[in-house]
């Protein structure tokens, strides 16, 4: 595994975490761009790992807490508010489906109409 691949995986992990933290912290501001960012980060991690099967799970797990703390700090700065999210699980980062609800979409349409 190259240093570049390692840095990329860790960077994509942080980006996914940042947008997931914002997702849970600001439900009224959820957006398709956050969903796209989460999905793109997941896909990039998956592709790098597929191309480099020797990359161990421990790479993600050993970086998890540090990247979560960095992502939370960045999210709070971007949101200009504190987040109540204290941790993220593997499930939330890699498997949870993030979708905009119909009620949210109708609210957006009403707002811009």
PDB file of N, CA and C in Angstrom:
ATOM      1  N   UNK A   1       0.846  -1.165   0.000  1.00  0.00           N
ATOM      2  CA  UNK A   1       0.000   0.000   0.000  1.00  0.00           C
ATOM      3  C   UNK A   1       0.899   1.238   0.000  1.00  0.00           C
ATOM      4  N   UNK A   2       0.593   2.153  -0.892  1.00  0.00           N
ATOM      5  CA  UNK A   2       1.400   3.366  -0.978  1.00  0.00           C
ATOM      6  C   UNK A   2       0.953   4.381   0.082  1.00  0.00           C
ATOM      7  N   UNK A   3       1.846   5.300   0.387  1.00  0.00           N
ATOM      8  CA  UNK A   3       1.496   6.366   1.331  1.00  0.00           C
ATOM      9  C   UNK A   3       0.357   7.210   0.786  1.00  0.00           C
ATOM     10  N   UNK A   4       0.328   7.386  -0.519  1.00  0.00           N
ATOM     11  CA  UNK A   4      -0.728   8.167  -1.158  1.00  0.00           C
ATOM     12  C   UNK A   4      -2.095   7.514  -0.962  1.00  0.00           C
ATOM     13  N   UNK A   5      -2.157   6.193  -1.140  1.00  0.00           N
ATOM     14  CA  UNK A   5      -3.419   5.478  -0.927  1.00  0.00           C
ATOM     15  C   UNK A   5      -3.869   5.587   0.521  1.00  0.00           C
ATOM     16  N   UNK A   6      -2.925   5.449   1.428  1.00  0.00           N
ATOM     17  CA  UNK A   6      -3.246   5.557   2.855  1.00  0.00           C
ATOM     18  C   UNK A   6      -3.800   6.950   3.165  1.00  0.00           C
ATOM     19  N   UNK A   7      -3.131   7.991   2.688  1.00  0.00           N
ATOM     20  CA  UNK A   7      -3.603   9.360   2.931  1.00  0.00           C
ATOM     21  C   UNK A   7      -4.977   9.585   2.311  1.00  0.00           C
ATOM     22  N   UNK A   8      -5.183   9.034   1.119  1.00  0.00           N
ATOM     23  CA  UNK A   8      -6.471   9.215   0.442  1.00  0.00           C
ATOM     24  C   UNK A   8      -7.609   8.577   1.221  1.00  0.00           C
ATOM     25  N   UNK A   9      -7.412   7.358   1.667  1.00  0.00           N
ATOM     26  CA  UNK A   9      -8.457   6.665   2.432  1.00  0.00           C
ATOM     27  C   UNK A   9      -8.808   7.450   3.688  1.00  0.00           C
ATOM     28  N   UNK A  10      -7.801   7.897   4.405  1.00  0.00           N
ATOM     29  CA  UNK A  10      -8.029   8.629   5.650  1.00  0.00           C
ATOM     30  C   UNK A  10      -8.716   9.965   5.364  1.00  0.00           C
ATOM     31  N   UNK A  11      -8.338  10.597   4.283  1.00  0.00           N
ATOM     32  CA  UNK A  11      -8.970  11.868   3.898  1.00  0.00           C
ATOM     33  C   UNK A  11     -10.438  11.659   3.538  1.00  0.00           C
ATOM     34  N   UNK A  12     -10.733  10.631   2.761  1.00  0.00           N
ATOM     35  CA  UNK A  12     -12.128  10.337   2.398  1.00  0.00           C
ATOM     36  C   UNK A  12     -12.947   9.962   3.633  1.00  0.00           C
ATOM     37  N   UNK A  13     -12.327   9.257   4.575  1.00  0.00           N
ATOM     38  CA  UNK A  13     -13.019   8.909   5.815  1.00  0.00           C
ATOM     39  C   UNK A  13     -13.440  10.178   6.550  1.00  0.00           C
ATOM     40  N   UNK A  14     -12.526  11.128   6.656  1.00  0.00           N
ATOM     41  CA  UNK A  14     -12.823  12.385   7.357  1.00  0.00           C
ATOM     42  C   UNK A  14     -13.937  13.165   6.658  1.00  0.00           C
ATOM     43  N   UNK A  15     -13.910  13.222   5.332  1.00  0.00           N
ATOM     44  CA  UNK A  15     -14.950  13.944   4.584  1.00  0.00           C
ATOM     45  C   UNK A  15     -16.318  13.307   4.820  1.00  0.00           C
ATOM     46  N   UNK A  16     -16.366  11.974   4.764  1.00  0.00           N
ATOM     47  CA  UNK A  16     -17.638  11.285   5.023  1.00  0.00           C
ATOM     48  C   UNK A  16     -18.132  11.599   6.435  1.00  0.00           C
ATOM     49  N   UNK A  17     -17.242  11.510   7.404  1.00  0.00           N
ATOM     50  CA  UNK A  17     -17.620  11.786   8.785  1.00  0.00           C
ATOM     51  C   UNK A  17     -18.131  13.219   8.944  1.00  0.00           C
ATOM     52  N   UNK A  18     -17.455  14.171   8.335  1.00  0.00           N
ATOM     53  CA  UNK A  18     -17.847  15.576   8.439  1.00  0.00           C
ATOM     54  C   UNK A  18     -19.286  15.779   7.985  1.00  0.00           C
ATOM     55  N   UNK A  19     -19.630  15.220   6.831  1.00  0.00           N
ATOM     56  CA  UNK A  19     -20.985  15.425   6.317  1.00  0.00           C
ATOM     57  C   UNK A  19     -22.030  14.619   7.080  1.00  0.00           C
ATOM     58  N   UNK A  20     -21.643  13.492   7.632  1.00  0.00           N
ATOM     59  CA  UNK A  20     -22.575  12.720   8.468  1.00  0.00           C
ATOM     60  C   UNK A  20     -22.839  13.463   9.779  1.00  0.00           C
ATOM     61  N   UNK A  21     -21.810  14.053  10.349  1.00  0.00           N
ATOM     62  CA  UNK A  21     -21.994  14.859  11.564  1.00  0.00           C
ATOM     63  C   UNK A  21     -22.941  16.023  11.275  1.00  0.00           C
ATOM     64  N   UNK A  22     -22.736  16.694  10.156  1.00  0.00           N
ATOM     65  CA  UNK A  22     -23.625  17.794   9.784  1.00  0.00           C
ATOM     66  C   UNK A  22     -25.045  17.287   9.543  1.00  0.00           C
ATOM     67  N   UNK A  23     -25.177  16.107   8.952  1.00  0.00           N
ATOM     68  CA  UNK A  23     -26.484  15.503   8.680  1.00  0.00           C
ATOM     69  C   UNK A  23     -27.282  15.342   9.971  1.00  0.00           C
ATOM     70  N   UNK A  24     -26.627  14.800  11.006  1.00  0.00           N
ATOM     71  CA  UNK A  24     -27.319  14.582  12.278  1.00  0.00           C
ATOM     72  C   UNK A  24     -27.484  15.878  13.074  1.00  0.00           C
ATOM     73  N   UNK A  25     -26.588  16.832  12.883  1.00  0.00           N
ATOM     74  CA  UNK A  25     -26.619  18.070  13.655  1.00  0.00           C
ATOM     75  C   UNK A  25     -27.587  19.105  13.098  1.00  0.00           C
ATOM     76  N   UNK A  26     -27.802  19.081  11.793  1.00  0.00           N
ATOM     77  CA  UNK A  26     -28.671  20.080  11.161  1.00  0.00           C
ATOM     78  C   UNK A  26     -29.694  19.415  10.240  1.00  0.00           C
ATOM     79  N   UNK A  27     -30.663  18.713  10.815  1.00  0.00           N
ATOM     80  CA  UNK A  27     -31.634  18.001   9.980  1.00  0.00           C
ATOM     81  C   UNK A  27     -32.435  18.917   9.066  1.00  0.00           C
ATOM     82  N   UNK A  28     -32.591  20.175   9.446  1.00  0.00           N
ATOM     83  CA  UNK A  28     -33.349  21.117   8.621  1.00  0.00           C
ATOM     84  C   UNK A  28     -32.532  21.667   7.446  1.00  0.00           C
ATOM     85  N   UNK A  29     -31.251  21.361   7.407  1.00  0.00           N
ATOM     86  CA  UNK A  29     -30.387  21.858   6.327  1.00  0.00           C
ATOM     87  C   UNK A  29     -29.798  20.729   5.481  1.00  0.00           C
ATOM     88  N   UNK A  30     -30.334  19.543   5.613  1.00  0.00           N
ATOM     89  CA  UNK A  30     -29.825  18.406   4.846  1.00  0.00           C
ATOM     90  C   UNK A  30     -29.920  18.696   3.359  1.00  0.00           C
ATOM     91  N   UNK A  31     -28.910  18.209   2.634  1.00  0.00           N
ATOM     92  CA  UNK A  31     -28.893  18.499   1.204  1.00  0.00           C
ATOM     93  C   UNK A  31     -28.391  17.314   0.395  1.00  0.00           C
ATOM     94  N   UNK A  32     -28.730  17.358  -0.878  1.00  0.00           N
ATOM     95  CA  UNK A  32     -28.249  16.330  -1.801  1.00  0.00           C
ATOM     96  C   UNK A  32     -26.734  16.372  -1.903  1.00  0.00           C
ATOM     97  N   UNK A  33     -26.139  17.552  -1.748  1.00  0.00           N
ATOM     98  CA  UNK A  33     -24.677  17.631  -1.838  1.00  0.00           C
ATOM     99  C   UNK A  33     -24.008  16.883  -0.689  1.00  0.00           C
ATOM    100  N   UNK A  34     -24.621  16.887   0.497  1.00  0.00           N
ATOM    101  CA  UNK A  34     -24.069  16.105   1.606  1.00  0.00           C
ATOM    102  C   UNK A  34     -24.160  14.616   1.284  1.00  0.00           C
ATOM    103  N   UNK A  35     -25.292  14.203   0.750  1.00  0.00           N
ATOM    104  CA  UNK A  35     -25.463  12.795   0.373  1.00  0.00           C
ATOM    105  C   UNK A  35     -24.422  12.415  -0.672  1.00  0.00           C
ATOM    106  N   UNK A  36     -24.243  13.253  -1.673  1.00  0.00           N
ATOM    107  CA  UNK A  36     -23.253  12.968  -2.716  1.00  0.00           C
ATOM    108  C   UNK A  36     -21.848  12.882  -2.148  1.00  0.00           C
ATOM    109  N   UNK A  37     -21.514  13.760  -1.235  1.00  0.00           N
ATOM    110  CA  UNK A  37     -20.195  13.736  -0.620  1.00  0.00           C
ATOM    111  C   UNK A  37     -19.964  12.447   0.164  1.00  0.00           C
ATOM    112  N   UNK A  38     -20.963  12.047   0.921  1.00  0.00           N
ATOM    113  CA  UNK A  38     -20.860  10.794   1.698  1.00  0.00           C
ATOM    114  C   UNK A  38     -20.706   9.617   0.745  1.00  0.00           C
ATOM    115  N   UNK A  39     -21.562   9.554  -0.273  1.00  0.00           N
ATOM    116  CA  UNK A  39     -21.507   8.445  -1.237  1.00  0.00           C
ATOM    117  C   UNK A  39     -20.191   8.432  -2.007  1.00  0.00           C
ATOM    118  N   UNK A  40     -19.722   9.599  -2.434  1.00  0.00           N
ATOM    119  CA  UNK A  40     -18.459   9.670  -3.170  1.00  0.00           C
ATOM    120  C   UNK A  40     -17.282   9.223  -2.307  1.00  0.00           C
ATOM    121  N   UNK A  41     -17.290   9.618  -1.048  1.00  0.00           N
ATOM    122  CA  UNK A  41     -16.222   9.214  -0.134  1.00  0.00           C
ATOM    123  C   UNK A  41     -16.236   7.706   0.076  1.00  0.00           C
ATOM    124  N   UNK A  42     -17.419   7.153   0.298  1.00  0.00           N
ATOM    125  CA  UNK A  42     -17.538   5.696   0.452  1.00  0.00           C
ATOM    126  C   UNK A  42     -17.033   4.967  -0.781  1.00  0.00           C
ATOM    127  N   UNK A  43     -17.443   5.445  -1.941  1.00  0.00           N
ATOM    128  CA  UNK A  43     -17.046   4.798  -3.191  1.00  0.00           C
ATOM    129  C   UNK A  43     -15.537   4.887  -3.391  1.00  0.00           C
ATOM    130  N   UNK A  44     -14.954   6.022  -3.109  1.00  0.00           N
ATOM    131  CA  UNK A  44     -13.511   6.181  -3.274  1.00  0.00           C
ATOM    132  C   UNK A  44     -12.750   5.242  -2.343  1.00  0.00           C
ATOM    133  N   UNK A  45     -13.181   5.146  -1.091  1.00  0.00           N
ATOM    134  CA  UNK A  45     -12.541   4.226  -0.142  1.00  0.00           C
ATOM    135  C   UNK A  45     -12.648   2.799  -0.657  1.00  0.00           C
ATOM    136  N   UNK A  46     -13.834   2.429  -1.121  1.00  0.00           N
ATOM    137  CA  UNK A  46     -14.063   1.076  -1.636  1.00  0.00           C
ATOM    138  C   UNK A  46     -13.163   0.768  -2.834  1.00  0.00           C
ATOM    139  N   UNK A  47     -13.055   1.724  -3.754  1.00  0.00           N
ATOM    140  CA  UNK A  47     -12.232   1.511  -4.952  1.00  0.00           C
ATOM    141  C   UNK A  47     -10.752   1.382  -4.607  1.00  0.00           C
ATOM    142  N   UNK A  48     -10.273   2.222  -3.708  1.00  0.00           N
ATOM    143  CA  UNK A  48      -8.864   2.134  -3.299  1.00  0.00           C
ATOM    144  C   UNK A  48      -8.597   0.787  -2.638  1.00  0.00           C
ATOM    145  N   UNK A  49      -9.508   0.361  -1.777  1.00  0.00           N
ATOM    146  CA  UNK A  49      -9.321  -0.930  -1.092  1.00  0.00           C
ATOM    147  C   UNK A  49      -9.423  -2.095  -2.065  1.00  0.00           C
ATOM    148  N   UNK A  50     -10.291  -1.963  -3.078  1.00  0.00           N
ATOM    149  CA  UNK A  50     -10.419  -3.016  -4.091  1.00  0.00           C
ATOM    150  C   UNK A  50      -9.125  -3.138  -4.900  1.00  0.00           C
ATOM    151  N   UNK A  51      -8.538  -1.994  -5.234  1.00  0.00           N
ATOM    152  CA  UNK A  51      -7.291  -1.986  -6.003  1.00  0.00           C
ATOM    153  C   UNK A  51      -6.089  -2.408  -5.160  1.00  0.00           C
ATOM    154  N   UNK A  52      -6.225  -2.299  -3.849  1.00  0.00           N
ATOM    155  CA  UNK A  52      -5.143  -2.628  -2.914  1.00  0.00           C
ATOM    156  C   UNK A  52      -5.676  -3.516  -1.798  1.00  0.00           C
ATOM    157  N   UNK A  53      -5.923  -4.794  -2.097  1.00  0.00           N
ATOM    158  CA  UNK A  53      -6.525  -5.676  -1.088  1.00  0.00           C
ATOM    159  C   UNK A  53      -5.674  -5.878   0.161  1.00  0.00           C
ATOM    160  N   UNK A  54      -4.438  -5.461   0.111  1.00  0.00           N
ATOM    161  CA  UNK A  54      -3.575  -5.626   1.287  1.00  0.00           C
ATOM    162  C   UNK A  54      -3.804  -4.531   2.334  1.00  0.00           C
ATOM    163  N   UNK A  55      -4.632  -3.542   2.005  1.00  0.00           N
ATOM    164  CA  UNK A  55      -4.919  -2.485   2.983  1.00  0.00           C
ATOM    165  C   UNK A  55      -5.759  -3.086   4.113  1.00  0.00           C
ATOM    166  N   UNK A  56      -5.238  -3.032   5.331  1.00  0.00           N
ATOM    167  CA  UNK A  56      -5.951  -3.668   6.451  1.00  0.00           C
ATOM    168  C   UNK A  56      -7.077  -2.794   7.009  1.00  0.00           C
ATOM    169  N   UNK A  57      -8.054  -3.444   7.601  1.00  0.00           N
ATOM    170  CA  UNK A  57      -9.131  -2.715   8.284  1.00  0.00           C
ATOM    171  C   UNK A  57      -8.564  -1.822   9.388  1.00  0.00           C
ATOM    172  N   UNK A  58      -7.456  -2.263   9.950  1.00  0.00           N
ATOM    173  CA  UNK A  58      -6.864  -1.505  11.053  1.00  0.00           C
ATOM    174  C   UNK A  58      -6.454  -0.095  10.641  1.00  0.00           C
ATOM    175  N   UNK A  59      -6.197   0.126   9.358  1.00  0.00           N
ATOM    176  CA  UNK A  59      -5.862   1.479   8.895  1.00  0.00           C
ATOM    177  C   UNK A  59      -7.000   2.442   9.238  1.00  0.00           C
ATOM    178  N   UNK A  60      -8.236   2.030   8.934  1.00  0.00           N
ATOM    179  CA  UNK A  60      -9.394   2.869   9.253  1.00  0.00           C
ATOM    180  C   UNK A  60      -9.639   2.928  10.757  1.00  0.00           C
ATOM    181  N   UNK A  61      -9.584   1.781  11.396  1.00  0.00           N
ATOM    182  CA  UNK A  61      -9.903   1.713  12.823  1.00  0.00           C
ATOM    183  C   UNK A  61      -8.901   2.493  13.674  1.00  0.00           C
ATOM    184  N   UNK A  62      -7.619   2.431  13.300  1.00  0.00           N
ATOM    185  CA  UNK A  62      -6.589   3.144  14.075  1.00  0.00           C
ATOM    186  C   UNK A  62      -6.685   4.650  13.893  1.00  0.00           C
ATOM    187  N   UNK A  63      -7.282   5.095  12.819  1.00  0.00           N
ATOM    188  CA  UNK A  63      -7.423   6.529  12.537  1.00  0.00           C
ATOM    189  C   UNK A  63      -8.792   7.068  12.940  1.00  0.00           C
ATOM    190  N   UNK A  64      -9.696   6.177  13.321  1.00  0.00           N
ATOM    191  CA  UNK A  64     -11.105   6.520  13.520  1.00  0.00           C
ATOM    192  C   UNK A  64     -11.319   7.684  14.475  1.00  0.00           C
ATOM    193  N   UNK A  65     -10.829   7.573  15.709  1.00  0.00           N
ATOM    194  CA  UNK A  65     -11.094   8.597  16.721  1.00  0.00           C
ATOM    195  C   UNK A  65     -10.478   9.941  16.342  1.00  0.00           C
ATOM    196  N   UNK A  66      -9.256   9.919  15.852  1.00  0.00           N
ATOM    197  CA  UNK A  66      -8.588  11.165  15.458  1.00  0.00           C
ATOM    198  C   UNK A  66      -9.351  11.848  14.327  1.00  0.00           C
ATOM    199  N   UNK A  67      -9.749  11.084  13.317  1.00  0.00           N
ATOM    200  CA  UNK A  67     -10.458  11.671  12.176  1.00  0.00           C
ATOM    201  C   UNK A  67     -11.857  12.121  12.568  1.00  0.00           C
ATOM    202  N   UNK A  68     -12.502  11.395  13.482  1.00  0.00           N
ATOM    203  CA  UNK A  68     -13.808  11.833  13.973  1.00  0.00           C
ATOM    204  C   UNK A  68     -13.673  13.192  14.664  1.00  0.00           C
ATOM    205  N   UNK A  69     -12.697  13.324  15.550  1.00  0.00           N
ATOM    206  CA  UNK A  69     -12.511  14.588  16.268  1.00  0.00           C
ATOM    207  C   UNK A  69     -12.205  15.734  15.309  1.00  0.00           C
ATOM    208  N   UNK A  70     -11.378  15.482  14.311  1.00  0.00           N
ATOM    209  CA  UNK A  70     -11.077  16.515  13.314  1.00  0.00           C
ATOM    210  C   UNK A  70     -12.333  16.872  12.511  1.00  0.00           C
ATOM    211  N   UNK A  71     -13.082  15.860  12.099  1.00  0.00           N
ATOM    212  CA  UNK A  71     -14.299  16.092  11.318  1.00  0.00           C
ATOM    213  C   UNK A  71     -15.330  16.862  12.142  1.00  0.00           C
ATOM    214  N   UNK A  72     -15.468  16.520  13.403  1.00  0.00           N
ATOM    215  CA  UNK A  72     -16.429  17.220  14.268  1.00  0.00           C
ATOM    216  C   UNK A  72     -16.030  18.681  14.429  1.00  0.00           C
ATOM    217  N   UNK A  73     -14.760  18.933  14.645  1.00  0.00           N
ATOM    218  CA  UNK A  73     -14.275  20.311  14.781  1.00  0.00           C
ATOM    219  C   UNK A  73     -14.544  21.095  13.494  1.00  0.00           C
ATOM    220  N   UNK A  74     -14.252  20.496  12.352  1.00  0.00           N
ATOM    221  CA  UNK A  74     -14.495  21.166  11.068  1.00  0.00           C
ATOM    222  C   UNK A  74     -15.998  21.400  10.841  1.00  0.00           C
ATOM    223  N   UNK A  75     -16.813  20.396  11.176  1.00  0.00           N
ATOM    224  CA  UNK A  75     -18.264  20.527  11.000  1.00  0.00           C
ATOM    225  C   UNK A  75     -18.804  21.653  11.879  1.00  0.00           C
ATOM    226  N   UNK A  76     -18.357  21.696  13.117  1.00  0.00           N
ATOM    227  CA  UNK A  76     -18.826  22.759  14.022  1.00  0.00           C
ATOM    228  C   UNK A  76     -18.426  24.138  13.504  1.00  0.00           C
ATOM    229  N   UNK A  77     -17.228  24.240  12.957  1.00  0.00           N
ATOM    230  CA  UNK A  77     -16.795  25.521  12.390  1.00  0.00           C
ATOM    231  C   UNK A  77     -17.657  25.893  11.179  1.00  0.00           C
ATOM    232  N   UNK A  78     -17.920  24.911  10.303  1.00  0.00           N
ATOM    233  CA  UNK A  78     -18.741  25.178   9.115  1.00  0.00           C
ATOM    234  C   UNK A  78     -20.183  25.516   9.473  1.00  0.00           C
ATOM    235  N   UNK A  79     -20.714  24.855  10.490  1.00  0.00           N
ATOM    236  CA  UNK A  79     -22.101  25.088  10.904  1.00  0.00           C
ATOM    237  C   UNK A  79     -22.240  26.301  11.808  1.00  0.00           C
ATOM    238  N   UNK A  80     -21.122  26.726  12.386  1.00  0.00           N
ATOM    239  CA  UNK A  80     -21.113  27.806  13.359  1.00  0.00           C
ATOM    240  C   UNK A  80     -21.982  27.453  14.577  1.00  0.00           C
ATOM    241  N   UNK A  81     -21.881  26.202  14.982  1.00  0.00           N
ATOM    242  CA  UNK A  81     -22.597  25.719  16.161  1.00  0.00           C
ATOM    243  C   UNK A  81     -21.946  24.434  16.646  1.00  0.00           C
ATOM    244  N   UNK A  82     -22.190  24.118  17.903  1.00  0.00           N
ATOM    245  CA  UNK A  82     -21.696  22.872  18.476  1.00  0.00           C
ATOM    246  C   UNK A  82     -22.554  21.711  17.978  1.00  0.00           C
ATOM    247  N   UNK A  83     -21.944  20.552  17.885  1.00  0.00           N
ATOM    248  CA  UNK A  83     -22.657  19.340  17.496  1.00  0.00           C
ATOM    249  C   UNK A  83     -22.847  18.445  18.713  1.00  0.00           C
ATOM    250  N   UNK A  84     -23.981  17.781  18.762  1.00  0.00           N
ATOM    251  CA  UNK A  84     -24.231  16.834  19.853  1.00  0.00           C
ATOM    252  C   UNK A  84     -23.792  15.426  19.484  1.00  0.00           C
ATOM    253  N   UNK A  85     -23.266  15.243  18.280  1.00  0.00           N
ATOM    254  CA  UNK A  85     -22.794  13.929  17.845  1.00  0.00           C
ATOM    255  C   UNK A  85     -21.497  13.621  18.591  1.00  0.00           C
ATOM    256  N   UNK A  86     -21.511  12.552  19.386  1.00  0.00           N
ATOM    257  CA  UNK A  86     -20.347  12.194  20.191  1.00  0.00           C
ATOM    258  C   UNK A  86     -19.508  11.083  19.591  1.00  0.00           C
ATOM    259  N   UNK A  87     -20.089  10.342  18.657  1.00  0.00           N
ATOM    260  CA  UNK A  87     -19.350   9.271  17.991  1.00  0.00           C
ATOM    261  C   UNK A  87     -20.105   8.874  16.737  1.00  0.00           C
ATOM    262  N   UNK A  88     -19.414   8.193  15.855  1.00  0.00           N
ATOM    263  CA  UNK A  88     -20.025   7.591  14.678  1.00  0.00           C
ATOM    264  C   UNK A  88     -19.620   6.132  14.631  1.00  0.00           C
ATOM    265  N   UNK A  89     -20.540   5.298  14.214  1.00  0.00           N
ATOM    266  CA  UNK A  89     -20.254   3.871  14.096  1.00  0.00           C
ATOM    267  C   UNK A  89     -19.830   3.533  12.667  1.00  0.00           C
ATOM    268  N   UNK A  90     -19.247   2.363  12.514  1.00  0.00           N
ATOM    269  CA  UNK A  90     -18.921   1.872  11.166  1.00  0.00           C
ATOM    270  C   UNK A  90     -20.180   1.813  10.317  1.00  0.00           C
ATOM    271  N   UNK A  91     -21.278   1.393  10.920  1.00  0.00           N
ATOM    272  CA  UNK A  91     -22.557   1.298  10.218  1.00  0.00           C
ATOM    273  C   UNK A  91     -22.982   2.666   9.673  1.00  0.00           C
ATOM    274  N   UNK A  92     -22.899   3.696  10.500  1.00  0.00           N
ATOM    275  CA  UNK A  92     -23.305   5.030  10.068  1.00  0.00           C
ATOM    276  C   UNK A  92     -22.422   5.556   8.940  1.00  0.00           C
ATOM    277  N   UNK A  93     -21.146   5.268   9.008  1.00  0.00           N
ATOM    278  CA  UNK A  93     -20.215   5.807   8.016  1.00  0.00           C
ATOM    279  C   UNK A  93     -20.247   5.019   6.713  1.00  0.00           C
ATOM    280  N   UNK A  94     -20.402   3.699   6.805  1.00  0.00           N
ATOM    281  CA  UNK A  94     -20.255   2.904   5.586  1.00  0.00           C
ATOM    282  C   UNK A  94     -21.538   2.271   5.050  1.00  0.00           C
ATOM    283  N   UNK A  95     -22.596   2.182   5.852  1.00  0.00           N
ATOM    284  CA  UNK A  95     -23.775   1.444   5.394  1.00  0.00           C
ATOM    285  C   UNK A  95     -25.099   2.198   5.448  1.00  0.00           C
ATOM    286  N   UNK A  96     -25.239   3.139   6.343  1.00  0.00           N
ATOM    287  CA  UNK A  96     -26.506   3.848   6.481  1.00  0.00           C
ATOM    288  C   UNK A  96     -26.832   4.596   5.191  1.00  0.00           C
ATOM    289  N   UNK A  97     -28.086   4.477   4.760  1.00  0.00           N
ATOM    290  CA  UNK A  97     -28.556   5.210   3.585  1.00  0.00           C
ATOM    291  C   UNK A  97     -29.027   6.589   4.035  1.00  0.00           C
ATOM    292  N   UNK A  98     -28.457   7.606   3.448  1.00  0.00           N
ATOM    293  CA  UNK A  98     -28.868   8.968   3.740  1.00  0.00           C
ATOM    294  C   UNK A  98     -29.698   9.461   2.560  1.00  0.00           C
ATOM    295  N   UNK A  99     -30.952   9.781   2.855  1.00  0.00           N
ATOM    296  CA  UNK A  99     -31.868  10.217   1.801  1.00  0.00           C
ATOM    297  C   UNK A  99     -32.654  11.425   2.283  1.00  0.00           C
ATOM    298  N   UNK A 100     -33.082  12.240   1.340  1.00  0.00           N
ATOM    299  CA  UNK A 100     -33.939  13.367   1.669  1.00  0.00           C
ATOM    300  C   UNK A 100     -35.378  12.871   1.663  1.00  0.00           C
ATOM    301  N   UNK A 101     -36.117  13.233   2.688  1.00  0.00           N
ATOM    302  CA  UNK A 101     -37.502  12.788   2.781  1.00  0.00           C
ATOM    303  C   UNK A 101     -38.387  13.646   1.893  1.00  0.00           C
ATOM    304  N   UNK A 102     -39.527  13.115   1.540  1.00  0.00           N
ATOM    305  CA  UNK A 102     -40.483  13.824   0.699  1.00  0.00           C
ATOM    306  C   UNK A 102     -40.942  15.127   1.355  1.00  0.00           C
ATOM    307  N   UNK A 103     -41.138  15.100   2.657  1.00  0.00           N
ATOM    308  CA  UNK A 103     -41.571  16.306   3.366  1.00  0.00           C
ATOM    309  C   UNK A 103     -40.510  17.395   3.241  1.00  0.00           C
ATOM    310  N   UNK A 104     -39.254  17.014   3.356  1.00  0.00           N
ATOM    311  CA  UNK A 104     -38.163  17.975   3.217  1.00  0.00           C
ATOM    312  C   UNK A 104     -38.129  18.553   1.808  1.00  0.00           C
ATOM    313  N   UNK A 105     -38.302  17.719   0.816  1.00  0.00           N
ATOM    314  CA  UNK A 105     -38.286  18.164  -0.580  1.00  0.00           C
ATOM    315  C   UNK A 105     -39.448  19.109  -0.852  1.00  0.00           C
ATOM    316  N   UNK A 106     -40.639  18.788  -0.338  1.00  0.00           N
ATOM    317  CA  UNK A 106     -41.800  19.669  -0.507  1.00  0.00           C
ATOM    318  C   UNK A 106     -41.526  21.021   0.165  1.00  0.00           C
ATOM    319  N   UNK A 107     -40.895  20.993   1.319  1.00  0.00           N
ATOM    320  CA  UNK A 107     -40.548  22.238   2.002  1.00  0.00           C
ATOM    321  C   UNK A 107     -39.593  23.080   1.179  1.00  0.00           C
ATOM    322  N   UNK A 108     -38.628  22.446   0.549  1.00  0.00           N
ATOM    323  CA  UNK A 108     -37.704  23.179  -0.319  1.00  0.00           C
ATOM    324  C   UNK A 108     -38.435  23.786  -1.508  1.00  0.00           C
ATOM    325  N   UNK A 109     -39.313  22.983  -2.119  1.00  0.00           N
ATOM    326  CA  UNK A 109     -40.061  23.500  -3.258  1.00  0.00           C
ATOM    327  C   UNK A 109     -40.923  24.689  -2.855  1.00  0.00           C
ATOM    328  N   UNK A 110     -41.568  24.582  -1.691  1.00  0.00           N
ATOM    329  CA  UNK A 110     -42.412  25.666  -1.202  1.00  0.00           C
ATOM    330  C   UNK A 110     -41.574  26.917  -0.956  1.00  0.00           C
ATOM    331  N   UNK A 111     -40.380  26.740  -0.357  1.00  0.00           N
ATOM    332  CA  UNK A 111     -39.503  27.851  -0.052  1.00  0.00           C
ATOM    333  C   UNK A 111     -39.056  28.591  -1.308  1.00  0.00           C
ATOM    334  N   UNK A 112     -38.719  27.849  -2.349  1.00  0.00           N
ATOM    335  CA  UNK A 112     -38.206  28.461  -3.584  1.00  0.00           C
ATOM    336  C   UNK A 112     -39.296  28.849  -4.578  1.00  0.00           C
ATOM    337  N   UNK A 113     -40.507  28.499  -4.291  1.00  0.00           N
ATOM    338  CA  UNK A 113     -41.604  28.799  -5.210  1.00  0.00           C
ATOM    339  C   UNK A 113     -42.014  30.174  -5.045  1.00  0.00           C
TER     340      UNK A 113
END
